[in-house]
Structure formats: C-alpha cells, structure tokens
Amino acid sequence: MKQETILKSCLIAAAMVSLVLSITIYFGAGDDTNGRLNGIYVGTWVPSILALGALLLVGRKNDA
C-alpha cells in the first residue's frame, strides 16, 4: 500500500472518529450546557484534521 493512501485513510478515520465522538458527547450531555459545548469543541476538530491532511498531502506532492 502506498504511504499516501495510508495517510489519507488515517486522516479520514480520525475525522470520522472525531465526528462520532462529538455527536456522542453533545447528545449524551443532556441539559448540561458545558457538556454540549464540549461536544461542539470536539466537532471543530474535524475540519482541523482534514485541513492538516490537505497541508501534508500538498507538501508531499511538492517534494516529488
């Protein structure tokens, strides 16, 4: 398997896990406002993980 494919798979998996964790925390908090805010905070990791992945993949293509 290519290293680029492994990197893409890991990044997508990390983003999906973050999304599921965010939803679980948000709805598991019930009426607790701080718990819901924690779920929203974890949800902001998804675009950050994907942006990091895009940055890493562009950097790899420029090196080649």
PDB file of N, CA and C in Angstrom:
ATOM      1  N   MET A   1       0.837  -1.178   0.000  1.00  0.00           N
ATOM      2  CA  MET A   1       0.000   0.000   0.000  1.00  0.00           C
ATOM      3  C   MET A   1       0.884   1.244   0.000  1.00  0.00           C
ATOM      4  N   LYS A   2       0.500   2.233  -0.754  1.00  0.00           N
ATOM      5  CA  LYS A   2       1.270   3.465  -0.819  1.00  0.00           C
ATOM      6  C   LYS A   2       1.159   4.244   0.487  1.00  0.00           C
ATOM      7  N   GLN A   3       2.200   5.008   0.788  1.00  0.00           N
ATOM      8  CA  GLN A   3       2.179   5.822   2.008  1.00  0.00           C
ATOM      9  C   GLN A   3       1.093   6.882   1.937  1.00  0.00           C
ATOM     10  N   GLU A   4       0.856   7.424   0.749  1.00  0.00           N
ATOM     11  CA  GLU A   4      -0.172   8.453   0.589  1.00  0.00           C
ATOM     12  C   GLU A   4      -1.560   7.891   0.883  1.00  0.00           C
ATOM     13  N   THR A   5      -1.809   6.678   0.455  1.00  0.00           N
ATOM     14  CA  THR A   5      -3.097   6.035   0.710  1.00  0.00           C
ATOM     15  C   THR A   5      -3.292   5.773   2.199  1.00  0.00           C
ATOM     16  N   ILE A   6      -2.238   5.357   2.869  1.00  0.00           N
ATOM     17  CA  ILE A   6      -2.310   5.121   4.309  1.00  0.00           C
ATOM     18  C   ILE A   6      -2.577   6.428   5.046  1.00  0.00           C
ATOM     19  N   LEU A   7      -1.895   7.500   4.632  1.00  0.00           N
ATOM     20  CA  LEU A   7      -2.099   8.810   5.254  1.00  0.00           C
ATOM     21  C   LEU A   7      -3.535   9.276   5.067  1.00  0.00           C
ATOM     22  N   LYS A   8      -4.047   9.163   3.859  1.00  0.00           N
ATOM     23  CA  LYS A   8      -5.432   9.568   3.593  1.00  0.00           C
ATOM     24  C   LYS A   8      -6.418   8.762   4.437  1.00  0.00           C
ATOM     25  N   SER A   9      -6.193   7.452   4.509  1.00  0.00           N
ATOM     26  CA  SER A   9      -7.093   6.589   5.277  1.00  0.00           C
ATOM     27  C   SER A   9      -7.081   6.950   6.755  1.00  0.00           C
ATOM     28  N   CYS A  10      -5.901   7.209   7.295  1.00  0.00           N
ATOM     29  CA  CYS A  10      -5.780   7.579   8.715  1.00  0.00           C
ATOM     30  C   CYS A  10      -6.453   8.922   9.001  1.00  0.00           C
ATOM     31  N   LEU A  11      -6.292   9.872   8.106  1.00  0.00           N
ATOM     32  CA  LEU A  11      -6.905  11.183   8.304  1.00  0.00           C
ATOM     33  C   LEU A  11      -8.423  11.120   8.235  1.00  0.00           C
ATOM     34  N   ILE A  12      -8.937  10.375   7.279  1.00  0.00           N
ATOM     35  CA  ILE A  12     -10.398  10.219   7.169  1.00  0.00           C
ATOM     36  C   ILE A  12     -10.940   9.490   8.392  1.00  0.00           C
ATOM     37  N   ALA A  13     -10.239   8.459   8.839  1.00  0.00           N
ATOM     38  CA  ALA A  13     -10.677   7.721  10.033  1.00  0.00           C
ATOM     39  C   ALA A  13     -10.656   8.622  11.269  1.00  0.00           C
ATOM     40  N   ALA A  14      -9.615   9.432  11.414  1.00  0.00           N
ATOM     41  CA  ALA A  14      -9.527  10.340  12.561  1.00  0.00           C
ATOM     42  C   ALA A  14     -10.652  11.373  12.523  1.00  0.00           C
ATOM     43  N   ALA A  15     -10.968  11.881  11.345  1.00  0.00           N
ATOM     44  CA  ALA A  15     -12.057  12.851  11.223  1.00  0.00           C
ATOM     45  C   ALA A  15     -13.403  12.201  11.547  1.00  0.00           C
ATOM     46  N   MET A  16     -13.604  10.971  11.092  1.00  0.00           N
ATOM     47  CA  MET A  16     -14.861  10.275  11.381  1.00  0.00           C
ATOM     48  C   MET A  16     -15.004   9.967  12.868  1.00  0.00           C
ATOM     49  N   VAL A  17     -13.913   9.539  13.494  1.00  0.00           N
ATOM     50  CA  VAL A  17     -13.953   9.262  14.932  1.00  0.00           C
ATOM     51  C   VAL A  17     -14.262  10.544  15.704  1.00  0.00           C
ATOM     52  N   SER A  18     -13.656  11.643  15.292  1.00  0.00           N
ATOM     53  CA  SER A  18     -13.915  12.925  15.944  1.00  0.00           C
ATOM     54  C   SER A  18     -15.377  13.333  15.794  1.00  0.00           C
ATOM     55  N   LEU A  19     -15.940  13.121  14.621  1.00  0.00           N
ATOM     56  CA  LEU A  19     -17.340  13.464  14.393  1.00  0.00           C
ATOM     57  C   LEU A  19     -18.265  12.616  15.263  1.00  0.00           C
ATOM     58  N   VAL A  20     -18.024  11.327  15.300  1.00  0.00           N
ATOM     59  CA  VAL A  20     -18.856  10.429  16.123  1.00  0.00           C
ATOM     60  C   VAL A  20     -18.714  10.767  17.604  1.00  0.00           C
ATOM     61  N   LEU A  21     -17.483  11.039  18.030  1.00  0.00           N
ATOM     62  CA  LEU A  21     -17.256  11.413  19.427  1.00  0.00           C
ATOM     63  C   LEU A  21     -17.963  12.715  19.771  1.00  0.00           C
ATOM     64  N   SER A  22     -17.920  13.669  18.853  1.00  0.00           N
ATOM     65  CA  SER A  22     -18.593  14.945  19.066  1.00  0.00           C
ATOM     66  C   SER A  22     -20.098  14.762  19.229  1.00  0.00           C
ATOM     67  N   ILE A  23     -20.688  13.983  18.352  1.00  0.00           N
ATOM     68  CA  ILE A  23     -22.133  13.740  18.421  1.00  0.00           C
ATOM     69  C   ILE A  23     -22.491  13.018  19.715  1.00  0.00           C
ATOM     70  N   THR A  24     -21.667  12.049  20.101  1.00  0.00           N
ATOM     71  CA  THR A  24     -21.909  11.300  21.337  1.00  0.00           C
ATOM     72  C   THR A  24     -21.839  12.207  22.556  1.00  0.00           C
ATOM     73  N   ILE A  25     -20.829  13.065  22.607  1.00  0.00           N
ATOM     74  CA  ILE A  25     -20.682  13.969  23.745  1.00  0.00           C
ATOM     75  C   ILE A  25     -21.826  14.971  23.776  1.00  0.00           C
ATOM     76  N   TYR A  26     -22.173  15.521  22.609  1.00  0.00           N
ATOM     77  CA  TYR A  26     -23.216  16.548  22.541  1.00  0.00           C
ATOM     78  C   TYR A  26     -24.563  16.018  23.016  1.00  0.00           C
ATOM     79  N   PHE A  27     -24.974  14.888  22.463  1.00  0.00           N
ATOM     80  CA  PHE A  27     -26.289  14.366  22.829  1.00  0.00           C
ATOM     81  C   PHE A  27     -26.271  13.607  24.147  1.00  0.00           C
ATOM     82  N   GLY A  28     -25.118  13.150  24.573  1.00  0.00           N
ATOM     83  CA  GLY A  28     -25.008  12.472  25.855  1.00  0.00           C
ATOM     84  C   GLY A  28     -25.016  13.433  27.034  1.00  0.00           C
ATOM     85  N   ALA A  29     -24.793  14.711  26.764  1.00  0.00           N
ATOM     86  CA  ALA A  29     -24.722  15.700  27.840  1.00  0.00           C
ATOM     87  C   ALA A  29     -26.095  16.050  28.403  1.00  0.00           C
ATOM     88  N   GLY A  30     -27.144  15.779  27.649  1.00  0.00           N
ATOM     89  CA  GLY A  30     -28.489  16.101  28.124  1.00  0.00           C
ATOM     90  C   GLY A  30     -28.684  17.598  28.205  1.00  0.00           C
ATOM     91  N   ASP A  31     -29.076  18.086  29.391  1.00  0.00           N
ATOM     92  CA  ASP A  31     -29.316  19.516  29.577  1.00  0.00           C
ATOM     93  C   ASP A  31     -28.085  20.268  30.054  1.00  0.00           C
ATOM     94  N   ASP A  32     -26.968  19.590  30.209  1.00  0.00           N
ATOM     95  CA  ASP A  32     -25.731  20.215  30.685  1.00  0.00           C
ATOM     96  C   ASP A  32     -25.122  21.066  29.568  1.00  0.00           C
ATOM     97  N   THR A  33     -25.105  22.380  29.769  1.00  0.00           N
ATOM     98  CA  THR A  33     -24.586  23.300  28.760  1.00  0.00           C
ATOM     99  C   THR A  33     -23.098  23.089  28.518  1.00  0.00           C
ATOM    100  N   ASN A  34     -22.333  22.879  29.580  1.00  0.00           N
ATOM    101  CA  ASN A  34     -20.892  22.668  29.415  1.00  0.00           C
ATOM    102  C   ASN A  34     -20.599  21.386  28.640  1.00  0.00           C
ATOM    103  N   GLY A  35     -21.378  20.360  28.871  1.00  0.00           N
ATOM    104  CA  GLY A  35     -21.206  19.123  28.128  1.00  0.00           C
ATOM    105  C   GLY A  35     -21.482  19.307  26.647  1.00  0.00           C
ATOM    106  N   ARG A  36     -22.509  20.073  26.346  1.00  0.00           N
ATOM    107  CA  ARG A  36     -22.818  20.345  24.937  1.00  0.00           C
ATOM    108  C   ARG A  36     -21.727  21.179  24.287  1.00  0.00           C
ATOM    109  N   LEU A  37     -21.195  22.135  25.027  1.00  0.00           N
ATOM    110  CA  LEU A  37     -20.096  22.943  24.487  1.00  0.00           C
ATOM    111  C   LEU A  37     -18.866  22.080  24.235  1.00  0.00           C
ATOM    112  N   ASN A  38     -18.628  21.098  25.092  1.00  0.00           N
ATOM    113  CA  ASN A  38     -17.523  20.167  24.854  1.00  0.00           C
ATOM    114  C   ASN A  38     -17.738  19.388  23.560  1.00  0.00           C
ATOM    115  N   GLY A  39     -18.968  18.994  23.287  1.00  0.00           N
ATOM    116  CA  GLY A  39     -19.280  18.301  22.046  1.00  0.00           C
ATOM    117  C   GLY A  39     -19.036  19.174  20.830  1.00  0.00           C
ATOM    118  N   ILE A  40     -19.397  20.449  20.931  1.00  0.00           N
ATOM    119  CA  ILE A  40     -19.151  21.386  19.837  1.00  0.00           C
ATOM    120  C   ILE A  40     -17.655  21.583  19.643  1.00  0.00           C
ATOM    121  N   TYR A  41     -16.919  21.681  20.743  1.00  0.00           N
ATOM    122  CA  TYR A  41     -15.467  21.851  20.659  1.00  0.00           C
ATOM    123  C   TYR A  41     -14.813  20.665  19.947  1.00  0.00           C
ATOM    124  N   VAL A  42     -15.212  19.481  20.306  1.00  0.00           N
ATOM    125  CA  VAL A  42     -14.647  18.295  19.655  1.00  0.00           C
ATOM    126  C   VAL A  42     -15.058  18.273  18.177  1.00  0.00           C
ATOM    127  N   GLY A  43     -16.234  18.783  17.865  1.00  0.00           N
ATOM    128  CA  GLY A  43     -16.682  18.844  16.480  1.00  0.00           C
ATOM    129  C   GLY A  43     -15.829  19.756  15.611  1.00  0.00           C
ATOM    130  N   THR A  44     -15.212  20.749  16.223  1.00  0.00           N
ATOM    131  CA  THR A  44     -14.349  21.645  15.445  1.00  0.00           C
ATOM    132  C   THR A  44     -13.028  20.983  15.071  1.00  0.00           C
ATOM    133  N   TRP A  45     -12.750  19.827  15.644  1.00  0.00           N
ATOM    134  CA  TRP A  45     -11.529  19.108  15.281  1.00  0.00           C
ATOM    135  C   TRP A  45     -11.621  18.548  13.870  1.00  0.00           C
ATOM    136  N   VAL A  46     -12.831  18.246  13.408  1.00  0.00           N
ATOM    137  CA  VAL A  46     -12.987  17.589  12.104  1.00  0.00           C
ATOM    138  C   VAL A  46     -12.377  18.420  10.976  1.00  0.00           C
ATOM    139  N   PRO A  47     -12.765  19.689  10.807  1.00  0.00           N
ATOM    140  CA  PRO A  47     -12.139  20.459   9.721  1.00  0.00           C
ATOM    141  C   PRO A  47     -10.652  20.698   9.963  1.00  0.00           C
ATOM    142  N   SER A  48     -10.252  20.759  11.215  1.00  0.00           N
ATOM    143  CA  SER A  48      -8.827  20.942  11.514  1.00  0.00           C
ATOM    144  C   SER A  48      -8.021  19.722  11.084  1.00  0.00           C
ATOM    145  N   ILE A  49      -8.534  18.542  11.343  1.00  0.00           N
ATOM    146  CA  ILE A  49      -7.856  17.308  10.943  1.00  0.00           C
ATOM    147  C   ILE A  49      -7.775  17.231   9.424  1.00  0.00           C
ATOM    148  N   LEU A  50      -8.875  17.561   8.745  1.00  0.00           N
ATOM    149  CA  LEU A  50      -8.885  17.498   7.288  1.00  0.00           C
ATOM    150  C   LEU A  50      -7.971  18.556   6.674  1.00  0.00           C
ATOM    151  N   ALA A  51      -7.907  19.735   7.275  1.00  0.00           N
ATOM    152  CA  ALA A  51      -7.002  20.779   6.783  1.00  0.00           C
ATOM    153  C   ALA A  51      -5.547  20.366   6.969  1.00  0.00           C
ATOM    154  N   LEU A  52      -5.237  19.753   8.098  1.00  0.00           N
ATOM    155  CA  LEU A  52      -3.887  19.252   8.320  1.00  0.00           C
ATOM    156  C   LEU A  52      -3.533  18.205   7.268  1.00  0.00           C
ATOM    157  N   GLY A  53      -4.474  17.335   6.972  1.00  0.00           N
ATOM    158  CA  GLY A  53      -4.248  16.320   5.951  1.00  0.00           C
ATOM    159  C   GLY A  53      -3.997  16.926   4.588  1.00  0.00           C
ATOM    160  N   ALA A  54      -4.772  17.939   4.229  1.00  0.00           N
ATOM    161  CA  ALA A  54      -4.568  18.607   2.939  1.00  0.00           C
ATOM    162  C   ALA A  54      -3.193  19.260   2.890  1.00  0.00           C
ATOM    163  N   LEU A  55      -2.791  19.871   3.976  1.00  0.00           N
ATOM    164  CA  LEU A  55      -1.470  20.506   4.044  1.00  0.00           C
ATOM    165  C   LEU A  55      -0.358  19.473   3.894  1.00  0.00           C
ATOM    166  N   LEU A  56      -0.490  18.346   4.562  1.00  0.00           N
ATOM    167  CA  LEU A  56       0.525  17.303   4.469  1.00  0.00           C
ATOM    168  C   LEU A  56       0.588  16.698   3.064  1.00  0.00           C
ATOM    169  N   LEU A  57      -0.568  16.497   2.457  1.00  0.00           N
ATOM    170  CA  LEU A  57      -0.587  15.900   1.123  1.00  0.00           C
ATOM    171  C   LEU A  57      -0.038  16.853   0.065  1.00  0.00           C
ATOM    172  N   VAL A  58      -0.319  18.134   0.184  1.00  0.00           N
ATOM    173  CA  VAL A  58       0.235  19.110  -0.758  1.00  0.00           C
ATOM    174  C   VAL A  58       1.737  19.197  -0.592  1.00  0.00           C
ATOM    175  N   GLY A  59       2.206  19.150   0.640  1.00  0.00           N
ATOM    176  CA  GLY A  59       3.640  19.175   0.897  1.00  0.00           C
ATOM    177  C   GLY A  59       4.352  17.970   0.304  1.00  0.00           C
ATOM    178  N   ARG A  60       3.707  16.816   0.334  1.00  0.00           N
ATOM    179  CA  ARG A  60       4.299  15.601  -0.227  1.00  0.00           C
ATOM    180  C   ARG A  60       4.392  15.698  -1.743  1.00  0.00           C
ATOM    181  N   LYS A  61       3.367  16.284  -2.387  1.00  0.00           N
ATOM    182  CA  LYS A  61       3.383  16.387  -3.841  1.00  0.00           C
ATOM    183  C   LYS A  61       4.421  17.381  -4.326  1.00  0.00           C
ATOM    184  N   ASN A  62       4.679  18.427  -3.538  1.00  0.00           N
ATOM    185  CA  ASN A  62       5.695  19.409  -3.921  1.00  0.00           C
ATOM    186  C   ASN A  62       7.103  18.842  -3.783  1.00  0.00           C
ATOM    187  N   ASP A  63       7.280  17.880  -2.870  1.00  0.00           N
ATOM    188  CA  ASP A  63       8.597  17.268  -2.677  1.00  0.00           C
ATOM    189  C   ASP A  63       8.968  16.337  -3.822  1.00  0.00           C
ATOM    190  N   ALA A  64       7.967  15.760  -4.460  1.00  0.00           N
ATOM    191  CA  ALA A  64       8.227  14.762  -5.512  1.00  0.00           C
ATOM    192  C   ALA A  64       8.691  15.381  -6.815  1.00  0.00           C
TER     193      ALA A  64
END
